[in-house]
């Protein structure tokens, strides 16, 4: 997609705030901080820190990638508003990546496994999306009830804050393992997905 560009990645859609700068050569600088509130106050300074550490002026950013949900309403809005304003100010494209894509991105799946990326949505529901072991989407993002959860046939690699909930719901009825990838999306994964 934009592999030859320097990409700023942003995520505020879940209980964390992160910013990352991915250079065209693959090197990166990033920040990640768990937080349930305060994204609006943290995102701009975090972005400035990343750019300063990377030694990259904002005008040299080639594109901005941001999570577009599913996630908290306020958190998602903070990230999208910031990315859009920055994109307009710098005259750079803004690329949307779902939080579930960002969550599945760093998962190392075994051949033939289905990556199941999921967030706890509370009230017995999860946000869920399934991907091939190579990361290609199998299903669209969806809000689904845990009770009677239907998943694609095959071995599953579960990722995200909803992973343990799925494991408890399916029990011995399914072949699954828990991913070792982080439970929350990271801006570096967002930038890498935007780079293609």
N, C-alpha and C. Protein backbone atom coordinates (compact mmCIF):
# COMPACT_ATOMS: atom_id res chain seq x y z
N UNK A 1 0.82 -1.19 0.00
CA UNK A 1 0.00 0.00 0.00
C UNK A 1 0.86 1.26 0.00
N UNK A 2 1.55 1.48 1.14
CA UNK A 2 2.37 2.69 1.27
C UNK A 2 3.76 2.33 1.79
N UNK A 3 4.31 1.21 1.35
CA UNK A 3 5.56 0.69 1.89
C UNK A 3 6.74 1.63 1.72
N UNK A 4 6.69 2.53 0.76
CA UNK A 4 7.81 3.44 0.52
C UNK A 4 7.70 4.73 1.34
N UNK A 5 6.69 4.82 2.22
CA UNK A 5 6.47 6.04 2.98
C UNK A 5 6.83 5.86 4.46
N UNK A 6 7.08 6.97 5.12
CA UNK A 6 7.20 6.98 6.57
C UNK A 6 5.79 7.16 7.11
N UNK A 7 5.36 6.21 7.95
CA UNK A 7 3.97 6.19 8.41
C UNK A 7 3.88 6.42 9.90
N UNK A 8 3.00 7.33 10.29
CA UNK A 8 2.68 7.54 11.70
C UNK A 8 1.47 6.69 12.03
N UNK A 9 1.61 5.79 12.99
CA UNK A 9 0.50 4.95 13.44
C UNK A 9 -0.04 5.45 14.77
N UNK A 10 -1.36 5.40 14.94
CA UNK A 10 -2.01 5.88 16.16
C UNK A 10 -3.08 4.90 16.61
N UNK A 11 -3.20 4.70 17.92
CA UNK A 11 -4.30 3.90 18.45
C UNK A 11 -4.76 4.45 19.79
N UNK A 12 -6.07 4.67 19.90
CA UNK A 12 -6.69 5.10 21.16
C UNK A 12 -8.02 4.39 21.37
N UNK A 13 -8.31 3.35 20.61
CA UNK A 13 -9.65 2.75 20.60
C UNK A 13 -9.94 1.81 21.77
N UNK A 14 -8.91 1.35 22.45
CA UNK A 14 -9.07 0.44 23.58
C UNK A 14 -8.43 1.08 24.81
N UNK A 15 -8.35 0.38 25.94
CA UNK A 15 -7.80 1.01 27.15
C UNK A 15 -6.27 1.14 27.11
N UNK A 16 -5.77 1.80 26.08
CA UNK A 16 -4.35 2.12 25.93
C UNK A 16 -4.24 3.24 24.91
N UNK A 17 -3.10 3.91 24.93
CA UNK A 17 -2.82 4.96 23.95
C UNK A 17 -1.44 4.65 23.38
N UNK A 18 -1.33 4.67 22.05
CA UNK A 18 -0.02 4.40 21.46
C UNK A 18 0.18 5.20 20.19
N UNK A 19 1.44 5.50 19.94
CA UNK A 19 1.86 6.20 18.71
C UNK A 19 3.15 5.55 18.25
N UNK A 20 3.31 5.43 16.95
CA UNK A 20 4.52 4.82 16.40
C UNK A 20 4.87 5.45 15.07
N UNK A 21 6.15 5.55 14.80
CA UNK A 21 6.61 6.04 13.51
C UNK A 21 7.38 4.90 12.85
N UNK A 22 6.89 4.46 11.69
CA UNK A 22 7.51 3.38 10.92
C UNK A 22 8.16 3.99 9.69
N UNK A 23 9.48 3.88 9.62
CA UNK A 23 10.19 4.41 8.46
C UNK A 23 10.09 3.43 7.30
N UNK A 24 10.35 3.93 6.10
CA UNK A 24 10.28 3.10 4.89
C UNK A 24 11.28 1.95 4.96
N UNK A 25 12.39 2.11 5.71
CA UNK A 25 13.39 1.03 5.82
C UNK A 25 13.01 -0.02 6.86
N UNK A 26 11.85 0.14 7.51
CA UNK A 26 11.36 -0.84 8.49
C UNK A 26 11.71 -0.51 9.93
N UNK A 27 12.62 0.44 10.16
CA UNK A 27 12.94 0.82 11.53
C UNK A 27 11.78 1.62 12.12
N UNK A 28 11.67 1.59 13.45
CA UNK A 28 10.50 2.23 14.07
C UNK A 28 10.83 2.76 15.45
N UNK A 29 10.03 3.74 15.86
CA UNK A 29 10.05 4.29 17.21
C UNK A 29 8.60 4.28 17.68
N UNK A 30 8.36 3.84 18.92
CA UNK A 30 6.97 3.79 19.37
C UNK A 30 6.85 4.04 20.86
N UNK A 31 5.62 4.38 21.26
CA UNK A 31 5.25 4.55 22.66
C UNK A 31 3.91 3.85 22.86
N UNK A 32 3.75 3.25 24.03
CA UNK A 32 2.52 2.55 24.37
C UNK A 32 2.27 2.75 25.86
N UNK A 33 1.07 3.18 26.21
CA UNK A 33 0.75 3.37 27.62
C UNK A 33 -0.68 2.89 27.89
N UNK A 34 -0.85 1.89 28.77
CA UNK A 34 -2.20 1.48 29.15
C UNK A 34 -2.92 2.64 29.84
N UNK A 35 -4.16 2.88 29.49
CA UNK A 35 -4.97 3.92 30.15
C UNK A 35 -6.43 3.72 29.78
N UNK A 36 -7.30 3.90 30.75
CA UNK A 36 -8.73 3.79 30.46
C UNK A 36 -9.34 5.14 30.10
N UNK A 37 -8.70 6.24 30.55
CA UNK A 37 -9.11 7.58 30.14
C UNK A 37 -7.88 8.46 30.00
N UNK A 38 -8.10 9.62 29.39
CA UNK A 38 -6.99 10.55 29.22
C UNK A 38 -6.31 10.47 27.87
N UNK A 39 -6.91 9.73 26.93
CA UNK A 39 -6.32 9.60 25.59
C UNK A 39 -6.12 10.95 24.90
N UNK A 40 -7.11 11.83 25.05
CA UNK A 40 -7.05 13.13 24.38
C UNK A 40 -5.86 13.95 24.86
N UNK A 41 -5.57 13.85 26.15
CA UNK A 41 -4.44 14.61 26.70
C UNK A 41 -3.10 13.95 26.38
N UNK A 42 -3.09 12.64 26.21
CA UNK A 42 -1.83 11.90 26.04
C UNK A 42 -1.36 11.78 24.59
N UNK A 43 -2.29 11.77 23.64
CA UNK A 43 -1.93 11.42 22.26
C UNK A 43 -0.98 12.41 21.59
N UNK A 44 -1.26 13.70 21.68
CA UNK A 44 -0.40 14.70 21.02
C UNK A 44 1.02 14.70 21.59
N UNK A 45 1.20 14.75 22.93
CA UNK A 45 2.56 14.70 23.46
C UNK A 45 3.29 13.39 23.11
N UNK A 46 2.55 12.28 23.12
CA UNK A 46 3.16 10.99 22.76
C UNK A 46 3.64 11.01 21.32
N UNK A 47 2.83 11.58 20.44
CA UNK A 47 3.20 11.68 19.02
C UNK A 47 4.44 12.56 18.86
N UNK A 48 4.47 13.68 19.57
CA UNK A 48 5.63 14.56 19.52
C UNK A 48 6.89 13.85 19.99
N UNK A 49 6.79 13.05 21.05
CA UNK A 49 7.94 12.29 21.56
C UNK A 49 8.47 11.32 20.52
N UNK A 50 7.55 10.61 19.86
CA UNK A 50 7.94 9.62 18.85
C UNK A 50 8.67 10.31 17.69
N UNK A 51 8.11 11.41 17.21
CA UNK A 51 8.74 12.14 16.10
C UNK A 51 10.10 12.69 16.51
N UNK A 52 10.19 13.23 17.74
CA UNK A 52 11.46 13.78 18.22
C UNK A 52 12.52 12.70 18.34
N UNK A 53 12.15 11.56 18.92
CA UNK A 53 13.12 10.47 19.07
C UNK A 53 13.57 9.94 17.72
N UNK A 54 12.63 9.89 16.76
CA UNK A 54 12.97 9.40 15.42
C UNK A 54 13.75 10.43 14.62
N UNK A 55 13.71 11.70 15.07
CA UNK A 55 14.38 12.76 14.33
C UNK A 55 13.70 13.06 13.00
N UNK A 56 12.38 12.86 12.97
CA UNK A 56 11.61 13.07 11.75
C UNK A 56 10.65 14.25 11.95
N UNK A 57 10.79 15.32 11.17
CA UNK A 57 9.83 16.42 11.27
C UNK A 57 8.45 15.95 10.79
N UNK A 58 7.40 16.51 11.37
CA UNK A 58 6.04 16.11 11.01
C UNK A 58 5.78 16.21 9.51
N UNK A 59 6.37 17.22 8.85
CA UNK A 59 6.13 17.40 7.41
C UNK A 59 6.67 16.24 6.57
N UNK A 60 7.56 15.41 7.15
CA UNK A 60 8.13 14.28 6.41
C UNK A 60 7.32 12.99 6.56
N UNK A 61 6.25 13.05 7.36
CA UNK A 61 5.36 11.89 7.47
C UNK A 61 4.70 11.70 6.10
N UNK A 62 4.68 10.46 5.62
CA UNK A 62 4.07 10.20 4.32
C UNK A 62 2.59 9.89 4.41
N UNK A 63 2.17 9.29 5.54
CA UNK A 63 0.77 8.92 5.73
C UNK A 63 0.53 8.74 7.23
N UNK A 64 -0.73 8.83 7.61
CA UNK A 64 -1.13 8.63 8.99
C UNK A 64 -2.11 7.46 9.02
N UNK A 65 -1.82 6.47 9.86
CA UNK A 65 -2.70 5.31 10.01
C UNK A 65 -3.30 5.33 11.41
N UNK A 66 -4.58 5.06 11.51
CA UNK A 66 -5.27 5.14 12.80
C UNK A 66 -6.32 4.05 12.92
N UNK A 67 -6.51 3.55 14.14
CA UNK A 67 -7.56 2.55 14.35
C UNK A 67 -8.93 3.23 14.27
N UNK A 68 -9.86 2.53 13.62
CA UNK A 68 -11.20 3.09 13.39
C UNK A 68 -12.28 2.34 14.18
N UNK A 69 -11.86 1.48 15.10
CA UNK A 69 -12.80 0.69 15.89
C UNK A 69 -12.84 -0.74 15.38
N UNK A 70 -13.57 -1.58 16.02
CA UNK A 70 -14.42 -1.30 17.17
C UNK A 70 -13.58 -0.94 18.40
N UNK A 71 -14.24 -0.18 19.27
CA UNK A 71 -13.57 0.26 20.49
C UNK A 71 -14.48 1.18 21.26
N UNK A 72 -13.92 1.83 22.26
CA UNK A 72 -14.72 2.77 23.04
C UNK A 72 -15.07 3.97 22.15
N UNK A 73 -16.24 4.52 22.36
CA UNK A 73 -16.68 5.64 21.52
C UNK A 73 -15.73 6.83 21.67
N UNK A 74 -15.44 7.21 22.91
CA UNK A 74 -14.59 8.38 23.15
C UNK A 74 -13.17 8.13 22.65
N UNK A 75 -12.62 6.97 22.97
CA UNK A 75 -11.26 6.67 22.55
C UNK A 75 -11.11 6.65 21.04
N UNK A 76 -12.02 6.02 20.36
CA UNK A 76 -11.98 5.95 18.90
C UNK A 76 -12.09 7.35 18.30
N UNK A 77 -13.00 8.15 18.85
CA UNK A 77 -13.20 9.52 18.36
C UNK A 77 -11.94 10.37 18.54
N UNK A 78 -11.25 10.19 19.67
CA UNK A 78 -10.01 10.95 19.93
C UNK A 78 -8.98 10.66 18.85
N UNK A 79 -8.75 9.38 18.58
CA UNK A 79 -7.75 9.00 17.58
C UNK A 79 -8.12 9.47 16.19
N UNK A 80 -9.38 9.28 15.81
CA UNK A 80 -9.82 9.69 14.47
C UNK A 80 -9.74 11.21 14.29
N UNK A 81 -10.16 11.96 15.31
CA UNK A 81 -10.13 13.42 15.23
C UNK A 81 -8.70 13.93 15.09
N UNK A 82 -7.81 13.37 15.91
CA UNK A 82 -6.41 13.79 15.87
C UNK A 82 -5.78 13.46 14.52
N UNK A 83 -6.02 12.24 14.04
CA UNK A 83 -5.45 11.81 12.75
C UNK A 83 -5.99 12.67 11.61
N UNK A 84 -7.28 12.95 11.63
CA UNK A 84 -7.87 13.76 10.56
C UNK A 84 -7.31 15.18 10.58
N UNK A 85 -7.22 15.78 11.76
CA UNK A 85 -6.69 17.14 11.87
C UNK A 85 -5.23 17.18 11.41
N UNK A 86 -4.45 16.19 11.80
CA UNK A 86 -3.05 16.14 11.39
C UNK A 86 -2.94 15.93 9.88
N UNK A 87 -3.78 15.05 9.36
CA UNK A 87 -3.79 14.80 7.92
C UNK A 87 -4.12 16.06 7.12
N UNK A 88 -5.09 16.82 7.58
CA UNK A 88 -5.46 18.06 6.91
C UNK A 88 -4.33 19.09 7.00
N UNK A 89 -3.77 19.24 8.21
CA UNK A 89 -2.70 20.22 8.42
C UNK A 89 -1.46 19.90 7.58
N UNK A 90 -1.13 18.62 7.48
CA UNK A 90 0.09 18.21 6.75
C UNK A 90 -0.18 17.85 5.29
N UNK A 91 -1.48 17.84 4.91
CA UNK A 91 -1.88 17.42 3.56
C UNK A 91 -1.38 16.01 3.25
N UNK A 92 -1.64 15.09 4.19
CA UNK A 92 -1.22 13.70 4.06
C UNK A 92 -2.45 12.79 4.15
N UNK A 93 -2.40 11.62 3.50
CA UNK A 93 -3.54 10.71 3.57
C UNK A 93 -3.67 10.07 4.95
N UNK A 94 -4.91 9.79 5.34
CA UNK A 94 -5.21 9.11 6.60
C UNK A 94 -5.79 7.74 6.23
N UNK A 95 -5.21 6.70 6.80
CA UNK A 95 -5.60 5.32 6.49
C UNK A 95 -6.23 4.70 7.72
N UNK A 96 -7.43 4.15 7.57
CA UNK A 96 -8.12 3.51 8.69
C UNK A 96 -7.82 2.02 8.76
N UNK A 97 -7.52 1.54 9.96
CA UNK A 97 -7.25 0.13 10.22
C UNK A 97 -8.16 -0.28 11.38
N UNK A 98 -8.85 -1.41 11.28
CA UNK A 98 -9.70 -1.81 12.40
C UNK A 98 -8.83 -2.26 13.57
N UNK A 99 -9.37 -2.10 14.76
CA UNK A 99 -8.63 -2.52 15.95
C UNK A 99 -8.40 -4.04 15.93
N UNK A 100 -9.31 -4.77 15.34
CA UNK A 100 -9.16 -6.22 15.27
C UNK A 100 -8.05 -6.61 14.29
N UNK A 101 -7.90 -5.89 13.18
CA UNK A 101 -6.77 -6.10 12.28
C UNK A 101 -5.46 -5.81 13.00
N UNK A 102 -5.44 -4.70 13.75
CA UNK A 102 -4.24 -4.32 14.49
C UNK A 102 -3.89 -5.35 15.55
N UNK A 103 -4.90 -5.94 16.15
CA UNK A 103 -4.69 -6.98 17.16
C UNK A 103 -4.14 -8.26 16.52
N UNK A 104 -4.68 -8.62 15.36
CA UNK A 104 -4.25 -9.86 14.69
C UNK A 104 -2.89 -9.72 14.02
N UNK A 105 -2.51 -8.48 13.65
CA UNK A 105 -1.27 -8.25 12.92
C UNK A 105 -0.03 -8.91 13.50
N UNK A 106 0.25 -8.75 14.80
CA UNK A 106 1.48 -9.33 15.36
C UNK A 106 1.36 -10.80 15.79
N UNK A 107 0.21 -11.42 15.57
CA UNK A 107 0.03 -12.82 15.97
C UNK A 107 0.82 -13.74 15.05
N UNK A 108 1.58 -14.64 15.65
CA UNK A 108 2.29 -15.67 14.88
C UNK A 108 1.46 -16.93 14.94
N UNK A 109 0.79 -17.23 13.84
CA UNK A 109 -0.08 -18.41 13.78
C UNK A 109 0.64 -19.56 13.09
N UNK A 110 0.28 -20.75 13.46
CA UNK A 110 0.80 -21.93 12.79
C UNK A 110 0.05 -22.12 11.48
N UNK A 111 0.67 -22.82 10.55
CA UNK A 111 0.04 -23.03 9.24
C UNK A 111 -1.33 -23.68 9.41
N UNK A 112 -2.32 -23.11 8.76
CA UNK A 112 -3.67 -23.66 8.82
C UNK A 112 -4.50 -23.18 10.00
N UNK A 113 -3.88 -22.52 10.97
CA UNK A 113 -4.65 -22.00 12.10
C UNK A 113 -5.48 -20.80 11.67
N UNK A 114 -6.59 -20.62 12.35
CA UNK A 114 -7.42 -19.44 12.14
C UNK A 114 -7.17 -18.50 13.31
N UNK A 115 -6.78 -17.26 13.00
CA UNK A 115 -6.59 -16.27 14.05
C UNK A 115 -7.94 -15.68 14.40
N UNK A 116 -8.30 -15.76 15.66
CA UNK A 116 -9.56 -15.18 16.15
C UNK A 116 -9.18 -14.01 17.05
N UNK A 117 -9.36 -12.80 16.53
CA UNK A 117 -9.07 -11.58 17.29
C UNK A 117 -10.36 -11.12 17.94
N UNK A 118 -10.30 -10.88 19.25
CA UNK A 118 -11.53 -10.53 19.97
C UNK A 118 -11.26 -9.59 21.13
N UNK A 119 -12.20 -8.66 21.35
CA UNK A 119 -12.17 -7.76 22.50
C UNK A 119 -13.39 -8.03 23.35
N UNK A 120 -13.21 -7.94 24.64
CA UNK A 120 -14.33 -8.04 25.57
C UNK A 120 -15.19 -6.79 25.43
N UNK A 121 -16.45 -6.97 25.04
CA UNK A 121 -17.37 -5.83 24.89
C UNK A 121 -18.29 -5.69 26.10
N UNK A 122 -18.08 -6.55 27.10
CA UNK A 122 -18.88 -6.57 28.33
C UNK A 122 -20.29 -7.11 28.03
N UNK A 123 -21.05 -7.29 29.07
CA UNK A 123 -22.45 -7.77 28.98
C UNK A 123 -22.58 -9.07 28.18
N UNK A 124 -21.56 -9.94 28.29
CA UNK A 124 -21.63 -11.23 27.62
C UNK A 124 -21.43 -11.17 26.11
N UNK A 125 -20.82 -10.09 25.63
CA UNK A 125 -20.58 -9.94 24.19
C UNK A 125 -19.10 -9.67 23.92
N UNK A 126 -18.68 -9.97 22.70
CA UNK A 126 -17.32 -9.66 22.26
C UNK A 126 -17.36 -9.10 20.85
N UNK A 127 -16.37 -8.24 20.56
CA UNK A 127 -16.11 -7.84 19.18
C UNK A 127 -15.17 -8.90 18.62
N UNK A 128 -15.46 -9.41 17.44
CA UNK A 128 -14.70 -10.54 16.93
C UNK A 128 -14.48 -10.43 15.43
N UNK A 129 -13.31 -10.87 14.98
CA UNK A 129 -13.03 -11.02 13.56
C UNK A 129 -12.04 -12.16 13.39
N UNK A 130 -12.24 -12.96 12.35
CA UNK A 130 -11.38 -14.12 12.09
C UNK A 130 -10.51 -13.86 10.86
N UNK A 131 -9.27 -14.38 10.92
CA UNK A 131 -8.27 -14.18 9.87
C UNK A 131 -7.59 -15.52 9.56
N UNK A 132 -7.07 -15.64 8.35
CA UNK A 132 -6.25 -16.80 8.02
C UNK A 132 -4.93 -16.71 8.79
N UNK A 133 -4.13 -17.77 8.76
CA UNK A 133 -2.84 -17.75 9.45
C UNK A 133 -1.91 -16.70 8.86
N UNK A 134 -2.17 -16.28 7.61
CA UNK A 134 -1.37 -15.23 6.96
C UNK A 134 -1.90 -13.83 7.24
N UNK A 135 -3.05 -13.73 7.92
CA UNK A 135 -3.60 -12.43 8.29
C UNK A 135 -4.69 -11.90 7.37
N UNK A 136 -5.12 -12.67 6.37
CA UNK A 136 -6.21 -12.23 5.49
C UNK A 136 -7.55 -12.41 6.20
N UNK A 137 -8.45 -11.42 6.12
CA UNK A 137 -9.75 -11.54 6.80
C UNK A 137 -10.59 -12.70 6.26
N UNK A 138 -11.21 -13.42 7.17
CA UNK A 138 -12.16 -14.48 6.82
C UNK A 138 -13.58 -13.97 7.06
N UNK A 139 -13.74 -13.20 8.14
CA UNK A 139 -15.04 -12.63 8.49
C UNK A 139 -14.90 -11.13 8.67
N UNK A 140 -16.02 -10.44 8.65
CA UNK A 140 -16.04 -9.00 8.93
C UNK A 140 -16.06 -8.79 10.44
N UNK A 141 -15.63 -7.63 10.94
CA UNK A 141 -15.75 -7.36 12.38
C UNK A 141 -17.22 -7.42 12.79
N UNK A 142 -17.48 -8.00 13.96
CA UNK A 142 -18.87 -8.13 14.41
C UNK A 142 -18.94 -8.12 15.93
N UNK A 143 -20.05 -7.63 16.44
CA UNK A 143 -20.35 -7.72 17.87
C UNK A 143 -21.24 -8.94 18.04
N UNK A 144 -20.75 -9.93 18.80
CA UNK A 144 -21.49 -11.20 18.91
C UNK A 144 -21.62 -11.62 20.37
N UNK A 145 -22.70 -12.35 20.70
CA UNK A 145 -22.84 -12.85 22.06
C UNK A 145 -21.91 -14.04 22.28
N UNK A 146 -21.38 -14.17 23.49
CA UNK A 146 -20.52 -15.31 23.82
C UNK A 146 -21.33 -16.60 23.88
N UNK A 147 -22.53 -16.52 24.40
CA UNK A 147 -23.37 -17.71 24.50
C UNK A 147 -23.70 -18.24 23.11
N UNK A 148 -23.39 -19.50 22.86
CA UNK A 148 -23.67 -20.10 21.56
C UNK A 148 -22.77 -19.60 20.46
N UNK A 149 -21.59 -19.11 20.82
CA UNK A 149 -20.65 -18.54 19.86
C UNK A 149 -20.33 -19.52 18.73
N UNK A 150 -20.46 -19.05 17.50
CA UNK A 150 -20.13 -19.87 16.34
C UNK A 150 -18.83 -19.36 15.71
N UNK A 151 -17.87 -20.27 15.52
CA UNK A 151 -16.58 -19.92 14.94
C UNK A 151 -16.30 -20.83 13.75
N UNK A 152 -15.44 -20.38 12.83
CA UNK A 152 -15.09 -21.24 11.69
C UNK A 152 -14.47 -22.56 12.15
N UNK A 153 -14.67 -23.60 11.37
CA UNK A 153 -14.09 -24.91 11.70
C UNK A 153 -12.58 -24.85 11.54
N UNK A 154 -11.87 -25.59 12.37
CA UNK A 154 -10.42 -25.66 12.29
C UNK A 154 -9.76 -25.28 13.60
N UNK A 155 -8.43 -25.36 13.62
CA UNK A 155 -7.65 -24.99 14.81
C UNK A 155 -7.65 -23.48 14.95
N UNK A 156 -7.79 -23.01 16.18
CA UNK A 156 -7.91 -21.58 16.42
C UNK A 156 -6.72 -21.05 17.24
N UNK A 157 -6.29 -19.84 16.91
CA UNK A 157 -5.31 -19.11 17.69
C UNK A 157 -6.02 -17.86 18.20
N UNK A 158 -6.27 -17.80 19.50
CA UNK A 158 -7.10 -16.75 20.09
C UNK A 158 -6.24 -15.58 20.56
N UNK A 159 -6.65 -14.36 20.22
CA UNK A 159 -5.88 -13.16 20.56
C UNK A 159 -6.80 -12.07 21.09
N UNK A 160 -6.28 -11.25 22.00
CA UNK A 160 -7.03 -10.10 22.51
C UNK A 160 -7.65 -10.35 23.86
N UNK A 161 -8.31 -9.31 24.38
CA UNK A 161 -8.93 -9.41 25.70
C UNK A 161 -10.12 -10.36 25.71
N UNK A 162 -10.62 -10.71 24.54
CA UNK A 162 -11.72 -11.67 24.45
C UNK A 162 -11.25 -13.11 24.33
N UNK A 163 -9.95 -13.33 24.21
CA UNK A 163 -9.42 -14.68 23.98
C UNK A 163 -9.78 -15.65 25.10
N UNK A 164 -9.55 -15.24 26.33
CA UNK A 164 -9.85 -16.15 27.46
C UNK A 164 -11.35 -16.40 27.59
N UNK A 165 -12.16 -15.40 27.23
CA UNK A 165 -13.61 -15.58 27.27
C UNK A 165 -14.04 -16.64 26.25
N UNK A 166 -13.45 -16.58 25.06
CA UNK A 166 -13.76 -17.58 24.02
C UNK A 166 -13.30 -18.96 24.48
N UNK A 167 -12.10 -19.03 25.07
CA UNK A 167 -11.57 -20.30 25.55
C UNK A 167 -12.50 -20.92 26.60
N UNK A 168 -12.99 -20.08 27.52
CA UNK A 168 -13.92 -20.58 28.54
C UNK A 168 -15.24 -21.04 27.93
N UNK A 169 -15.72 -20.30 26.93
CA UNK A 169 -17.00 -20.62 26.30
C UNK A 169 -16.92 -21.91 25.48
N UNK A 170 -15.82 -22.09 24.74
CA UNK A 170 -15.72 -23.26 23.86
C UNK A 170 -15.16 -24.49 24.57
N UNK A 171 -14.34 -24.26 25.61
CA UNK A 171 -13.80 -25.37 26.39
C UNK A 171 -13.15 -26.44 25.54
N UNK A 172 -13.43 -27.67 25.86
CA UNK A 172 -12.82 -28.81 25.15
C UNK A 172 -13.52 -29.09 23.83
N UNK A 173 -14.57 -28.33 23.51
CA UNK A 173 -15.31 -28.58 22.27
C UNK A 173 -14.53 -28.13 21.04
N UNK A 174 -13.50 -27.31 21.23
CA UNK A 174 -12.71 -26.79 20.11
C UNK A 174 -11.23 -26.98 20.37
N UNK A 175 -10.45 -27.03 19.29
CA UNK A 175 -8.99 -27.05 19.41
C UNK A 175 -8.53 -25.60 19.30
N UNK A 176 -7.95 -25.07 20.37
CA UNK A 176 -7.51 -23.69 20.37
C UNK A 176 -6.25 -23.54 21.21
N UNK A 177 -5.56 -22.44 20.98
CA UNK A 177 -4.45 -22.03 21.85
C UNK A 177 -4.50 -20.52 21.97
N UNK A 178 -3.97 -20.02 23.07
CA UNK A 178 -3.92 -18.58 23.29
C UNK A 178 -2.67 -18.01 22.64
N UNK A 179 -2.82 -16.92 21.90
CA UNK A 179 -1.70 -16.25 21.26
C UNK A 179 -0.80 -15.61 22.32
N UNK A 180 0.47 -15.49 22.01
CA UNK A 180 1.41 -14.80 22.89
C UNK A 180 1.51 -13.30 22.54
N UNK A 181 0.78 -12.86 21.53
CA UNK A 181 0.79 -11.45 21.12
C UNK A 181 0.11 -10.60 22.19
N UNK A 182 0.40 -9.29 22.23
CA UNK A 182 -0.24 -8.41 23.22
C UNK A 182 -1.77 -8.45 23.11
N UNK A 183 -2.43 -8.24 24.26
CA UNK A 183 -3.90 -8.29 24.30
C UNK A 183 -4.58 -7.04 23.76
N UNK A 184 -3.82 -5.97 23.58
CA UNK A 184 -4.37 -4.72 23.07
C UNK A 184 -3.66 -4.32 21.79
N UNK A 185 -4.35 -3.61 20.90
CA UNK A 185 -3.69 -3.18 19.66
C UNK A 185 -2.58 -2.18 19.95
N UNK A 186 -1.61 -2.13 19.06
CA UNK A 186 -0.45 -1.22 19.20
C UNK A 186 -0.32 -0.42 17.92
N UNK A 187 0.04 0.85 18.06
CA UNK A 187 0.18 1.74 16.90
C UNK A 187 1.21 1.24 15.89
N UNK A 188 2.21 0.49 16.35
CA UNK A 188 3.20 -0.02 15.41
C UNK A 188 2.58 -1.06 14.47
N UNK A 189 1.69 -1.88 15.01
CA UNK A 189 0.96 -2.84 14.18
C UNK A 189 0.07 -2.09 13.17
N UNK A 190 -0.54 -0.99 13.62
CA UNK A 190 -1.38 -0.16 12.74
C UNK A 190 -0.56 0.38 11.57
N UNK A 191 0.63 0.91 11.89
CA UNK A 191 1.50 1.46 10.84
C UNK A 191 1.97 0.37 9.88
N UNK A 192 2.33 -0.80 10.42
CA UNK A 192 2.80 -1.90 9.56
C UNK A 192 1.70 -2.39 8.62
N UNK A 193 0.47 -2.46 9.12
CA UNK A 193 -0.64 -2.88 8.25
C UNK A 193 -0.88 -1.84 7.16
N UNK A 194 -0.76 -0.57 7.49
CA UNK A 194 -0.95 0.48 6.48
C UNK A 194 0.15 0.44 5.42
N UNK A 195 1.36 0.03 5.85
CA UNK A 195 2.47 -0.07 4.91
C UNK A 195 2.28 -1.22 3.94
N UNK A 196 1.45 -2.18 4.31
CA UNK A 196 1.20 -3.32 3.43
C UNK A 196 2.28 -4.31 3.59
